[in-house]
């Protein structure tokens, strides 16, 4: 199980680095300029697809109720964090620290 989690963490970091490199190349920027943003976006996407309930589920539930007339019980909002989510958090935090260090002269004058 631990080996499987390590593999997922490595794959997640690799995919995030590839996405970051692709975004930086597309916008002709530096890798570090987009690393924090990519981390936040990936983290949000992983959170969205690993959660139950919430706005999207309620919209579907209400649509089905309107069409069928059957009452469907509301699903409580729940989130099950995975290794991929924790890895995305780690990537985002490391990117934030490196970005702050990289741009500290810009902010301090």
PDB file of N, CA and C in Angstrom:
ATOM      1  N   UNK A   1       0.820  -1.195   0.000  1.00  0.00           N
ATOM      2  CA  UNK A   1       0.000   0.000   0.000  1.00  0.00           C
ATOM      3  C   UNK A   1       0.864   1.259   0.000  1.00  0.00           C
ATOM      4  N   UNK A   2       1.936   1.242   0.803  1.00  0.00           N
ATOM      5  CA  UNK A   2       2.812   2.412   0.863  1.00  0.00           C
ATOM      6  C   UNK A   2       3.511   2.616  -0.477  1.00  0.00           C
ATOM      7  N   UNK A   3       3.939   1.522  -1.097  1.00  0.00           N
ATOM      8  CA  UNK A   3       4.587   1.625  -2.403  1.00  0.00           C
ATOM      9  C   UNK A   3       3.658   2.207  -3.455  1.00  0.00           C
ATOM     10  N   UNK A   4       2.398   1.806  -3.390  1.00  0.00           N
ATOM     11  CA  UNK A   4       1.400   2.324  -4.325  1.00  0.00           C
ATOM     12  C   UNK A   4       1.202   3.827  -4.122  1.00  0.00           C
ATOM     13  N   UNK A   5       1.172   4.260  -2.860  1.00  0.00           N
ATOM     14  CA  UNK A   5       1.025   5.688  -2.562  1.00  0.00           C
ATOM     15  C   UNK A   5       2.224   6.488  -3.046  1.00  0.00           C
ATOM     16  N   UNK A   6       3.410   5.933  -2.888  1.00  0.00           N
ATOM     17  CA  UNK A   6       4.620   6.620  -3.360  1.00  0.00           C
ATOM     18  C   UNK A   6       4.590   6.761  -4.873  1.00  0.00           C
ATOM     19  N   UNK A   7       4.160   5.710  -5.552  1.00  0.00           N
ATOM     20  CA  UNK A   7       4.066   5.773  -7.017  1.00  0.00           C
ATOM     21  C   UNK A   7       3.066   6.848  -7.432  1.00  0.00           C
ATOM     22  N   UNK A   8       1.897   6.899  -6.773  1.00  0.00           N
ATOM     23  CA  UNK A   8       0.902   7.928  -7.104  1.00  0.00           C
ATOM     24  C   UNK A   8       1.437   9.328  -6.837  1.00  0.00           C
ATOM     25  N   UNK A   9       2.200   9.486  -5.757  1.00  0.00           N
ATOM     26  CA  UNK A   9       2.782  10.797  -5.448  1.00  0.00           C
ATOM     27  C   UNK A   9       3.789  11.210  -6.519  1.00  0.00           C
ATOM     28  N   UNK A  10       4.627  10.280  -6.942  1.00  0.00           N
ATOM     29  CA  UNK A  10       5.621  10.578  -7.983  1.00  0.00           C
ATOM     30  C   UNK A  10       4.930  10.912  -9.298  1.00  0.00           C
ATOM     31  N   UNK A  11       3.922  10.132  -9.658  1.00  0.00           N
ATOM     32  CA  UNK A  11       3.181  10.391 -10.897  1.00  0.00           C
ATOM     33  C   UNK A  11       2.501  11.759 -10.832  1.00  0.00           C
ATOM     34  N   UNK A  12       1.936  12.093  -9.679  1.00  0.00           N
ATOM     35  CA  UNK A  12       1.268  13.390  -9.516  1.00  0.00           C
ATOM     36  C   UNK A  12       2.241  14.540  -9.701  1.00  0.00           C
ATOM     37  N   UNK A  13       3.396  14.456  -9.052  1.00  0.00           N
ATOM     38  CA  UNK A  13       4.402  15.516  -9.194  1.00  0.00           C
ATOM     39  C   UNK A  13       4.858  15.609 -10.644  1.00  0.00           C
ATOM     40  N   UNK A  14       5.078  14.474 -11.289  1.00  0.00           N
ATOM     41  CA  UNK A  14       5.520  14.463 -12.685  1.00  0.00           C
ATOM     42  C   UNK A  14       4.483  15.129 -13.587  1.00  0.00           C
ATOM     43  N   UNK A  15       3.215  14.798 -13.394  1.00  0.00           N
ATOM     44  CA  UNK A  15       2.149  15.392 -14.210  1.00  0.00           C
ATOM     45  C   UNK A  15       2.044  16.894 -13.949  1.00  0.00           C
ATOM     46  N   UNK A  16       2.161  17.297 -12.690  1.00  0.00           N
ATOM     47  CA  UNK A  16       2.071  18.724 -12.369  1.00  0.00           C
ATOM     48  C   UNK A  16       3.245  19.498 -12.960  1.00  0.00           C
ATOM     49  N   UNK A  17       4.425  18.902 -12.946  1.00  0.00           N
ATOM     50  CA  UNK A  17       5.593  19.553 -13.554  1.00  0.00           C
ATOM     51  C   UNK A  17       5.395  19.668 -15.063  1.00  0.00           C
ATOM     52  N   UNK A  18       4.868  18.622 -15.691  1.00  0.00           N
ATOM     53  CA  UNK A  18       4.597  18.684 -17.136  1.00  0.00           C
ATOM     54  C   UNK A  18       3.563  19.758 -17.466  1.00  0.00           C
ATOM     55  N   UNK A  19       2.498  19.827 -16.680  1.00  0.00           N
ATOM     56  CA  UNK A  19       1.482  20.864 -16.900  1.00  0.00           C
ATOM     57  C   UNK A  19       2.097  22.239 -16.721  1.00  0.00           C
ATOM     58  N   UNK A  20       2.894  22.392 -15.671  1.00  0.00           N
ATOM     59  CA  UNK A  20       3.542  23.670 -15.393  1.00  0.00           C
ATOM     60  C   UNK A  20       4.479  24.066 -16.531  1.00  0.00           C
ATOM     61  N   UNK A  21       5.256  23.110 -17.015  1.00  0.00           N
ATOM     62  CA  UNK A  21       6.163  23.377 -18.134  1.00  0.00           C
ATOM     63  C   UNK A  21       5.371  23.761 -19.384  1.00  0.00           C
ATOM     64  N   UNK A  22       4.268  23.052 -19.639  1.00  0.00           N
ATOM     65  CA  UNK A  22       3.439  23.365 -20.800  1.00  0.00           C
ATOM     66  C   UNK A  22       2.826  24.751 -20.723  1.00  0.00           C
ATOM     67  N   UNK A  23       2.328  25.124 -19.549  1.00  0.00           N
ATOM     68  CA  UNK A  23       1.739  26.456 -19.365  1.00  0.00           C
ATOM     69  C   UNK A  23       2.808  27.530 -19.528  1.00  0.00           C
ATOM     70  N   UNK A  24       3.979  27.309 -18.922  1.00  0.00           N
ATOM     71  CA  UNK A  24       5.066  28.287 -19.024  1.00  0.00           C
ATOM     72  C   UNK A  24       5.530  28.440 -20.470  1.00  0.00           C
ATOM     73  N   UNK A  25       5.610  27.342 -21.197  1.00  0.00           N
ATOM     74  CA  UNK A  25       6.012  27.409 -22.608  1.00  0.00           C
ATOM     75  C   UNK A  25       4.953  28.112 -23.450  1.00  0.00           C
ATOM     76  N   UNK A  26       3.695  27.800 -23.190  1.00  0.00           N
ATOM     77  CA  UNK A  26       2.605  28.390 -23.958  1.00  0.00           C
ATOM     78  C   UNK A  26       2.563  29.907 -23.794  1.00  0.00           C
ATOM     79  N   UNK A  27       2.767  30.379 -22.568  1.00  0.00           N
ATOM     80  CA  UNK A  27       2.720  31.813 -22.300  1.00  0.00           C
ATOM     81  C   UNK A  27       4.088  32.479 -22.356  1.00  0.00           C
ATOM     82  N   UNK A  28       5.103  31.749 -22.789  1.00  0.00           N
ATOM     83  CA  UNK A  28       6.479  32.259 -22.900  1.00  0.00           C
ATOM     84  C   UNK A  28       6.960  32.871 -21.584  1.00  0.00           C
ATOM     85  N   UNK A  29       6.714  32.171 -20.505  1.00  0.00           N
ATOM     86  CA  UNK A  29       7.134  32.639 -19.186  1.00  0.00           C
ATOM     87  C   UNK A  29       8.104  31.663 -18.558  1.00  0.00           C
ATOM     88  N   UNK A  30       8.486  31.971 -17.335  1.00  0.00           N
ATOM     89  CA  UNK A  30       9.376  31.087 -16.602  1.00  0.00           C
ATOM     90  C   UNK A  30       8.561  30.053 -15.837  1.00  0.00           C
ATOM     91  N   UNK A  31       9.185  28.927 -15.588  1.00  0.00           N
ATOM     92  CA  UNK A  31       8.541  27.816 -14.886  1.00  0.00           C
ATOM     93  C   UNK A  31       8.000  28.259 -13.528  1.00  0.00           C
ATOM     94  N   UNK A  32       8.804  29.001 -12.790  1.00  0.00           N
ATOM     95  CA  UNK A  32       8.447  29.403 -11.429  1.00  0.00           C
ATOM     96  C   UNK A  32       7.260  30.363 -11.407  1.00  0.00           C
ATOM     97  N   UNK A  33       7.065  31.106 -12.465  1.00  0.00           N
ATOM     98  CA  UNK A  33       5.984  32.087 -12.498  1.00  0.00           C
ATOM     99  C   UNK A  33       4.603  31.439 -12.451  1.00  0.00           C
ATOM    100  N   UNK A  34       4.498  30.226 -12.930  1.00  0.00           N
ATOM    101  CA  UNK A  34       3.198  29.563 -13.013  1.00  0.00           C
ATOM    102  C   UNK A  34       3.060  28.386 -12.049  1.00  0.00           C
ATOM    103  N   UNK A  35       4.100  28.079 -11.302  1.00  0.00           N
ATOM    104  CA  UNK A  35       4.071  26.876 -10.466  1.00  0.00           C
ATOM    105  C   UNK A  35       3.006  26.947  -9.373  1.00  0.00           C
ATOM    106  N   UNK A  36       2.885  28.084  -8.700  1.00  0.00           N
ATOM    107  CA  UNK A  36       1.882  28.198  -7.636  1.00  0.00           C
ATOM    108  C   UNK A  36       0.468  28.130  -8.220  1.00  0.00           C
ATOM    109  N   UNK A  37       0.244  28.825  -9.310  1.00  0.00           N
ATOM    110  CA  UNK A  37      -1.074  28.820  -9.948  1.00  0.00           C
ATOM    111  C   UNK A  37      -1.461  27.416 -10.410  1.00  0.00           C
ATOM    112  N   UNK A  38      -0.530  26.713 -11.030  1.00  0.00           N
ATOM    113  CA  UNK A  38      -0.801  25.342 -11.471  1.00  0.00           C
ATOM    114  C   UNK A  38      -1.123  24.460 -10.267  1.00  0.00           C
ATOM    115  N   UNK A  39      -0.392  24.640  -9.183  1.00  0.00           N
ATOM    116  CA  UNK A  39      -0.659  23.867  -7.974  1.00  0.00           C
ATOM    117  C   UNK A  39      -2.061  24.094  -7.441  1.00  0.00           C
ATOM    118  N   UNK A  40      -2.478  25.345  -7.386  1.00  0.00           N
ATOM    119  CA  UNK A  40      -3.821  25.671  -6.882  1.00  0.00           C
ATOM    120  C   UNK A  40      -4.894  25.097  -7.804  1.00  0.00           C
ATOM    121  N   UNK A  41      -4.700  25.217  -9.110  1.00  0.00           N
ATOM    122  CA  UNK A  41      -5.689  24.710 -10.071  1.00  0.00           C
ATOM    123  C   UNK A  41      -5.809  23.188  -9.973  1.00  0.00           C
ATOM    124  N   UNK A  42      -4.682  22.487  -9.951  1.00  0.00           N
ATOM    125  CA  UNK A  42      -4.716  21.022  -9.861  1.00  0.00           C
ATOM    126  C   UNK A  42      -5.331  20.585  -8.533  1.00  0.00           C
ATOM    127  N   UNK A  43      -4.970  21.264  -7.455  1.00  0.00           N
ATOM    128  CA  UNK A  43      -5.526  20.944  -6.143  1.00  0.00           C
ATOM    129  C   UNK A  43      -7.049  21.117  -6.142  1.00  0.00           C
ATOM    130  N   UNK A  44      -7.537  22.181  -6.765  1.00  0.00           N
ATOM    131  CA  UNK A  44      -8.972  22.435  -6.837  1.00  0.00           C
ATOM    132  C   UNK A  44      -9.682  21.377  -7.680  1.00  0.00           C
ATOM    133  N   UNK A  45      -9.080  21.003  -8.796  1.00  0.00           N
ATOM    134  CA  UNK A  45      -9.679  19.974  -9.657  1.00  0.00           C
ATOM    135  C   UNK A  45      -9.755  18.642  -8.926  1.00  0.00           C
ATOM    136  N   UNK A  46      -8.678  18.258  -8.240  1.00  0.00           N
ATOM    137  CA  UNK A  46      -8.672  16.997  -7.488  1.00  0.00           C
ATOM    138  C   UNK A  46      -9.726  17.042  -6.385  1.00  0.00           C
ATOM    139  N   UNK A  47      -9.827  18.171  -5.684  1.00  0.00           N
ATOM    140  CA  UNK A  47     -10.838  18.311  -4.627  1.00  0.00           C
ATOM    141  C   UNK A  47     -12.245  18.154  -5.208  1.00  0.00           C
ATOM    142  N   UNK A  48     -12.496  18.789  -6.344  1.00  0.00           N
ATOM    143  CA  UNK A  48     -13.825  18.740  -6.956  1.00  0.00           C
ATOM    144  C   UNK A  48     -14.221  17.309  -7.308  1.00  0.00           C
ATOM    145  N   UNK A  49     -13.295  16.548  -7.883  1.00  0.00           N
ATOM    146  CA  UNK A  49     -13.632  15.200  -8.323  1.00  0.00           C
ATOM    147  C   UNK A  49     -13.584  14.163  -7.203  1.00  0.00           C
ATOM    148  N   UNK A  50     -13.044  14.518  -6.035  1.00  0.00           N
ATOM    149  CA  UNK A  50     -13.026  13.587  -4.905  1.00  0.00           C
ATOM    150  C   UNK A  50     -14.064  13.922  -3.846  1.00  0.00           C
ATOM    151  N   UNK A  51     -14.922  14.883  -4.117  1.00  0.00           N
ATOM    152  CA  UNK A  51     -15.929  15.261  -3.125  1.00  0.00           C
ATOM    153  C   UNK A  51     -17.302  14.767  -3.561  1.00  0.00           C
ATOM    154  N   UNK A  52     -18.152  14.587  -2.579  1.00  0.00           N
ATOM    155  CA  UNK A  52     -19.535  14.181  -2.834  1.00  0.00           C
ATOM    156  C   UNK A  52     -20.441  15.263  -2.281  1.00  0.00           C
ATOM    157  N   UNK A  53     -21.609  15.401  -2.855  1.00  0.00           N
ATOM    158  CA  UNK A  53     -22.536  16.432  -2.400  1.00  0.00           C
ATOM    159  C   UNK A  53     -22.160  17.771  -3.004  1.00  0.00           C
ATOM    160  N   UNK A  54     -22.663  18.823  -2.444  1.00  0.00           N
ATOM    161  CA  UNK A  54     -22.324  20.154  -2.923  1.00  0.00           C
ATOM    162  C   UNK A  54     -23.201  20.610  -4.069  1.00  0.00           C
ATOM    163  N   UNK A  55     -22.772  21.675  -4.721  1.00  0.00           N
ATOM    164  CA  UNK A  55     -23.569  22.347  -5.741  1.00  0.00           C
ATOM    165  C   UNK A  55     -23.863  21.457  -6.948  1.00  0.00           C
ATOM    166  N   UNK A  56     -22.837  20.793  -7.485  1.00  0.00           N
ATOM    167  CA  UNK A  56     -23.033  19.981  -8.689  1.00  0.00           C
ATOM    168  C   UNK A  56     -24.002  18.830  -8.424  1.00  0.00           C
ATOM    169  N   UNK A  57     -23.835  18.160  -7.300  1.00  0.00           N
ATOM    170  CA  UNK A  57     -24.732  17.046  -6.969  1.00  0.00           C
ATOM    171  C   UNK A  57     -26.159  17.523  -6.747  1.00  0.00           C
ATOM    172  N   UNK A  58     -26.315  18.658  -6.086  1.00  0.00           N
ATOM    173  CA  UNK A  58     -27.661  19.192  -5.854  1.00  0.00           C
ATOM    174  C   UNK A  58     -28.338  19.591  -7.154  1.00  0.00           C
ATOM    175  N   UNK A  59     -27.589  20.138  -8.085  1.00  0.00           N
ATOM    176  CA  UNK A  59     -28.151  20.522  -9.377  1.00  0.00           C
ATOM    177  C   UNK A  59     -28.678  19.298 -10.118  1.00  0.00           C
ATOM    178  N   UNK A  60     -27.894  18.234 -10.142  1.00  0.00           N
ATOM    179  CA  UNK A  60     -28.318  17.000 -10.811  1.00  0.00           C
ATOM    180  C   UNK A  60     -29.528  16.410 -10.091  1.00  0.00           C
ATOM    181  N   UNK A  61     -29.478  16.373  -8.768  1.00  0.00           N
ATOM    182  CA  UNK A  61     -30.571  15.810  -7.976  1.00  0.00           C
ATOM    183  C   UNK A  61     -31.880  16.555  -8.223  1.00  0.00           C
ATOM    184  N   UNK A  62     -31.817  17.882  -8.226  1.00  0.00           N
ATOM    185  CA  UNK A  62     -33.027  18.676  -8.457  1.00  0.00           C
ATOM    186  C   UNK A  62     -33.551  18.500  -9.878  1.00  0.00           C
ATOM    187  N   UNK A  63     -32.656  18.356 -10.845  1.00  0.00           N
ATOM    188  CA  UNK A  63     -33.079  18.115 -12.224  1.00  0.00           C
ATOM    189  C   UNK A  63     -33.800  16.786 -12.373  1.00  0.00           C
ATOM    190  N   UNK A  64     -33.276  15.753 -11.717  1.00  0.00           N
ATOM    191  CA  UNK A  64     -33.919  14.435 -11.762  1.00  0.00           C
ATOM    192  C   UNK A  64     -35.273  14.485 -11.067  1.00  0.00           C
ATOM    193  N   UNK A  65     -35.351  15.183  -9.938  1.00  0.00           N
ATOM    194  CA  UNK A  65     -36.630  15.307  -9.234  1.00  0.00           C
ATOM    195  C   UNK A  65     -37.660  16.027 -10.092  1.00  0.00           C
ATOM    196  N   UNK A  66     -37.239  17.047 -10.798  1.00  0.00           N
ATOM    197  CA  UNK A  66     -38.171  17.806 -11.638  1.00  0.00           C
ATOM    198  C   UNK A  66     -38.691  16.958 -12.788  1.00  0.00           C
ATOM    199  N   UNK A  67     -37.844  16.114 -13.360  1.00  0.00           N
ATOM    200  CA  UNK A  67     -38.255  15.300 -14.509  1.00  0.00           C
ATOM    201  C   UNK A  67     -39.097  14.100 -14.107  1.00  0.00           C
ATOM    202  N   UNK A  68     -38.711  13.448 -13.004  1.00  0.00           N
ATOM    203  CA  UNK A  68     -39.376  12.196 -12.641  1.00  0.00           C
ATOM    204  C   UNK A  68     -40.463  12.364 -11.591  1.00  0.00           C
ATOM    205  N   UNK A  69     -40.389  13.418 -10.812  1.00  0.00           N
ATOM    206  CA  UNK A  69     -41.348  13.608  -9.734  1.00  0.00           C
ATOM    207  C   UNK A  69     -41.016  12.788  -8.498  1.00  0.00           C
ATOM    208  N   UNK A  70     -39.911  12.050  -8.537  1.00  0.00           N
ATOM    209  CA  UNK A  70     -39.500  11.234  -7.397  1.00  0.00           C
ATOM    210  C   UNK A  70     -38.609  12.049  -6.473  1.00  0.00           C
ATOM    211  N   UNK A  71     -38.836  11.904  -5.184  1.00  0.00           N
ATOM    212  CA  UNK A  71     -38.025  12.614  -4.194  1.00  0.00           C
ATOM    213  C   UNK A  71     -36.720  11.845  -3.993  1.00  0.00           C
ATOM    214  N   UNK A  72     -35.612  12.533  -4.177  1.00  0.00           N
ATOM    215  CA  UNK A  72     -34.297  11.930  -3.983  1.00  0.00           C
ATOM    216  C   UNK A  72     -33.658  12.589  -2.769  1.00  0.00           C
ATOM    217  N   UNK A  73     -33.147  11.757  -1.886  1.00  0.00           N
ATOM    218  CA  UNK A  73     -32.549  12.264  -0.654  1.00  0.00           C
ATOM    219  C   UNK A  73     -31.281  13.061  -0.961  1.00  0.00           C
ATOM    220  N   UNK A  74     -31.139  14.184  -0.262  1.00  0.00           N
ATOM    221  CA  UNK A  74     -29.967  15.043  -0.475  1.00  0.00           C
ATOM    222  C   UNK A  74     -28.729  14.369   0.095  1.00  0.00           C
ATOM    223  N   UNK A  75     -27.660  14.419  -0.688  1.00  0.00           N
ATOM    224  CA  UNK A  75     -26.397  13.823  -0.274  1.00  0.00           C
ATOM    225  C   UNK A  75     -25.596  14.851   0.520  1.00  0.00           C
ATOM    226  N   UNK A  76     -25.129  14.449   1.681  1.00  0.00           N
ATOM    227  CA  UNK A  76     -24.323  15.350   2.504  1.00  0.00           C
ATOM    228  C   UNK A  76     -22.977  15.582   1.831  1.00  0.00           C
ATOM    229  N   UNK A  77     -22.489  16.806   1.973  1.00  0.00           N
ATOM    230  CA  UNK A  77     -21.204  17.128   1.359  1.00  0.00           C
ATOM    231  C   UNK A  77     -20.101  16.412   2.124  1.00  0.00           C
ATOM    232  N   UNK A  78     -19.244  15.721   1.380  1.00  0.00           N
ATOM    233  CA  UNK A  78     -18.190  14.923   1.984  1.00  0.00           C
ATOM    234  C   UNK A  78     -16.969  14.960   1.078  1.00  0.00           C
ATOM    235  N   UNK A  79     -15.801  14.977   1.691  1.00  0.00           N
ATOM    236  CA  UNK A  79     -14.559  14.979   0.919  1.00  0.00           C
ATOM    237  C   UNK A  79     -13.640  13.903   1.466  1.00  0.00           C
ATOM    238  N   UNK A  80     -13.129  13.074   0.574  1.00  0.00           N
ATOM    239  CA  UNK A  80     -12.174  12.034   0.946  1.00  0.00           C
ATOM    240  C   UNK A  80     -10.824  12.362   0.315  1.00  0.00           C
ATOM    241  N   UNK A  81      -9.907  12.956   1.090  1.00  0.00           N
ATOM    242  CA  UNK A  81      -8.607  13.307   0.513  1.00  0.00           C
ATOM    243  C   UNK A  81      -7.813  12.057   0.142  1.00  0.00           C
ATOM    244  N   UNK A  82      -7.081  12.176  -0.945  1.00  0.00           N
ATOM    245  CA  UNK A  82      -6.262  11.072  -1.431  1.00  0.00           C
ATOM    246  C   UNK A  82      -4.797  11.489  -1.434  1.00  0.00           C
ATOM    247  N   UNK A  83      -3.938  10.546  -1.776  1.00  0.00           N
ATOM    248  CA  UNK A  83      -2.507  10.835  -1.883  1.00  0.00           C
ATOM    249  C   UNK A  83      -2.271  11.904  -2.942  1.00  0.00           C
ATOM    250  N   UNK A  84      -3.025  11.851  -4.011  1.00  0.00           N
ATOM    251  CA  UNK A  84      -2.883  12.844  -5.077  1.00  0.00           C
ATOM    252  C   UNK A  84      -3.204  14.239  -4.544  1.00  0.00           C
ATOM    253  N   UNK A  85      -4.237  14.359  -3.733  1.00  0.00           N
ATOM    254  CA  UNK A  85      -4.603  15.658  -3.160  1.00  0.00           C
ATOM    255  C   UNK A  85      -3.513  16.161  -2.221  1.00  0.00           C
ATOM    256  N   UNK A  86      -3.031  15.293  -1.339  1.00  0.00           N
ATOM    257  CA  UNK A  86      -1.965  15.702  -0.421  1.00  0.00           C
ATOM    258  C   UNK A  86      -0.689  16.082  -1.172  1.00  0.00           C
ATOM    259  N   UNK A  87      -0.395  15.369  -2.240  1.00  0.00           N
ATOM    260  CA  UNK A  87       0.774  15.700  -3.055  1.00  0.00           C
ATOM    261  C   UNK A  87       0.591  17.055  -3.727  1.00  0.00           C
ATOM    262  N   UNK A  88      -0.613  17.330  -4.216  1.00  0.00           N
ATOM    263  CA  UNK A  88      -0.891  18.635  -4.831  1.00  0.00           C
ATOM    264  C   UNK A  88      -0.755  19.756  -3.807  1.00  0.00           C
ATOM    265  N   UNK A  89      -1.183  19.513  -2.566  1.00  0.00           N
ATOM    266  CA  UNK A  89      -1.001  20.509  -1.507  1.00  0.00           C
ATOM    267  C   UNK A  89       0.486  20.749  -1.267  1.00  0.00           C
ATOM    268  N   UNK A  90       1.252  19.669  -1.171  1.00  0.00           N
ATOM    269  CA  UNK A  90       2.695  19.803  -0.960  1.00  0.00           C
ATOM    270  C   UNK A  90       3.368  20.560  -2.086  1.00  0.00           C
ATOM    271  N   UNK A  91       3.018  20.231  -3.322  1.00  0.00           N
ATOM    272  CA  UNK A  91       3.575  20.924  -4.485  1.00  0.00           C
ATOM    273  C   UNK A  91       3.240  22.413  -4.424  1.00  0.00           C
ATOM    274  N   UNK A  92       1.996  22.723  -4.078  1.00  0.00           N
ATOM    275  CA  UNK A  92       1.556  24.118  -4.013  1.00  0.00           C
ATOM    276  C   UNK A  92       2.292  24.881  -2.923  1.00  0.00           C
ATOM    277  N   UNK A  93       2.461  24.270  -1.762  1.00  0.00           N
ATOM    278  CA  UNK A  93       3.174  24.937  -0.670  1.00  0.00           C
ATOM    279  C   UNK A  93       4.646  25.167  -1.002  1.00  0.00           C
ATOM    280  N   UNK A  94       5.285  24.158  -1.589  1.00  0.00           N
ATOM    281  CA  UNK A  94       6.688  24.318  -2.001  1.00  0.00           C
ATOM    282  C   UNK A  94       6.794  25.400  -3.067  1.00  0.00           C
ATOM    283  N   UNK A  95       5.872  25.400  -4.020  1.00  0.00           N
ATOM    284  CA  UNK A  95       5.874  26.430  -5.068  1.00  0.00           C
ATOM    285  C   UNK A  95       5.674  27.816  -4.477  1.00  0.00           C
ATOM    286  N   UNK A  96       4.811  27.937  -3.465  1.00  0.00           N
ATOM    287  CA  UNK A  96       4.585  29.229  -2.815  1.00  0.00           C
ATOM    288  C   UNK A  96       5.854  29.725  -2.128  1.00  0.00           C
ATOM    289  N   UNK A  97       6.513  28.854  -1.393  1.00  0.00           N
ATOM    290  CA  UNK A  97       7.748  29.245  -0.697  1.00  0.00           C
ATOM    291  C   UNK A  97       8.823  29.655  -1.695  1.00  0.00           C
ATOM    292  N   UNK A  98       9.006  28.867  -2.742  1.00  0.00           N
ATOM    293  CA  UNK A  98      10.026  29.188  -3.749  1.00  0.00           C
ATOM    294  C   UNK A  98       9.676  30.485  -4.473  1.00  0.00           C
ATOM    295  N   UNK A  99       8.404  30.694  -4.764  1.00  0.00           N
ATOM    296  CA  UNK A  99       7.979  31.932  -5.425  1.00  0.00           C
ATOM    297  C   UNK A  99       8.245  33.143  -4.542  1.00  0.00           C
ATOM    298  N   UNK A 100       7.959  33.029  -3.252  1.00  0.00           N
ATOM    299  CA  UNK A 100       8.228  34.138  -2.324  1.00  0.00           C
ATOM    300  C   UNK A 100       9.722  34.432  -2.267  1.00  0.00           C
ATOM    301  N   UNK A 101      10.536  33.394  -2.186  1.00  0.00           N
ATOM    302  CA  UNK A 101      11.991  33.597  -2.160  1.00  0.00           C
ATOM    303  C   UNK A 101      12.470  34.209  -3.471  1.00  0.00           C
ATOM    304  N   UNK A 102      11.947  33.716  -4.585  1.00  0.00           N
ATOM    305  CA  UNK A 102      12.365  34.189  -5.907  1.00  0.00           C
ATOM    306  C   UNK A 102      12.030  35.666  -6.114  1.00  0.00           C
ATOM    307  N   UNK A 103      10.865  36.092  -5.615  1.00  0.00           N
ATOM    308  CA  UNK A 103      10.410  37.467  -5.829  1.00  0.00           C
ATOM    309  C   UNK A 103      10.563  38.363  -4.602  1.00  0.00           C
ATOM    310  N   UNK A 104      11.336  37.964  -3.602  1.00  0.00           N
ATOM    311  CA  UNK A 104      11.438  38.763  -2.378  1.00  0.00           C
ATOM    312  C   UNK A 104      12.016  40.148  -2.640  1.00  0.00           C
ATOM    313  N   UNK A 105      12.978  40.267  -3.545  1.00  0.00           N
ATOM    314  CA  UNK A 105      13.547  41.581  -3.855  1.00  0.00           C
ATOM    315  C   UNK A 105      12.512  42.490  -4.519  1.00  0.00           C
ATOM    316  N   UNK A 106      11.632  41.907  -5.295  1.00  0.00           N
ATOM    317  CA  UNK A 106      10.581  42.678  -5.952  1.00  0.00           C
ATOM    318  C   UNK A 106       9.630  43.287  -4.919  1.00  0.00           C
ATOM    319  N   UNK A 107       9.310  42.519  -3.882  1.00  0.00           N
ATOM    320  CA  UNK A 107       8.361  42.994  -2.876  1.00  0.00           C
ATOM    321  C   UNK A 107       9.002  43.888  -1.820  1.00  0.00           C
ATOM    322  N   UNK A 108      10.284  43.680  -1.537  1.00  0.00           N
ATOM    323  CA  UNK A 108      10.939  44.478  -0.496  1.00  0.00           C
ATOM    324  C   UNK A 108      11.554  45.752  -1.043  1.00  0.00           C
ATOM    325  N   UNK A 109      11.650  45.865  -2.323  1.00  0.00           N
ATOM    326  CA  UNK A 109      12.136  47.115  -2.902  1.00  0.00           C
ATOM    327  C   UNK A 109      13.427  46.987  -3.487  1.00  0.00           C
TER     328      UNK A 109
END
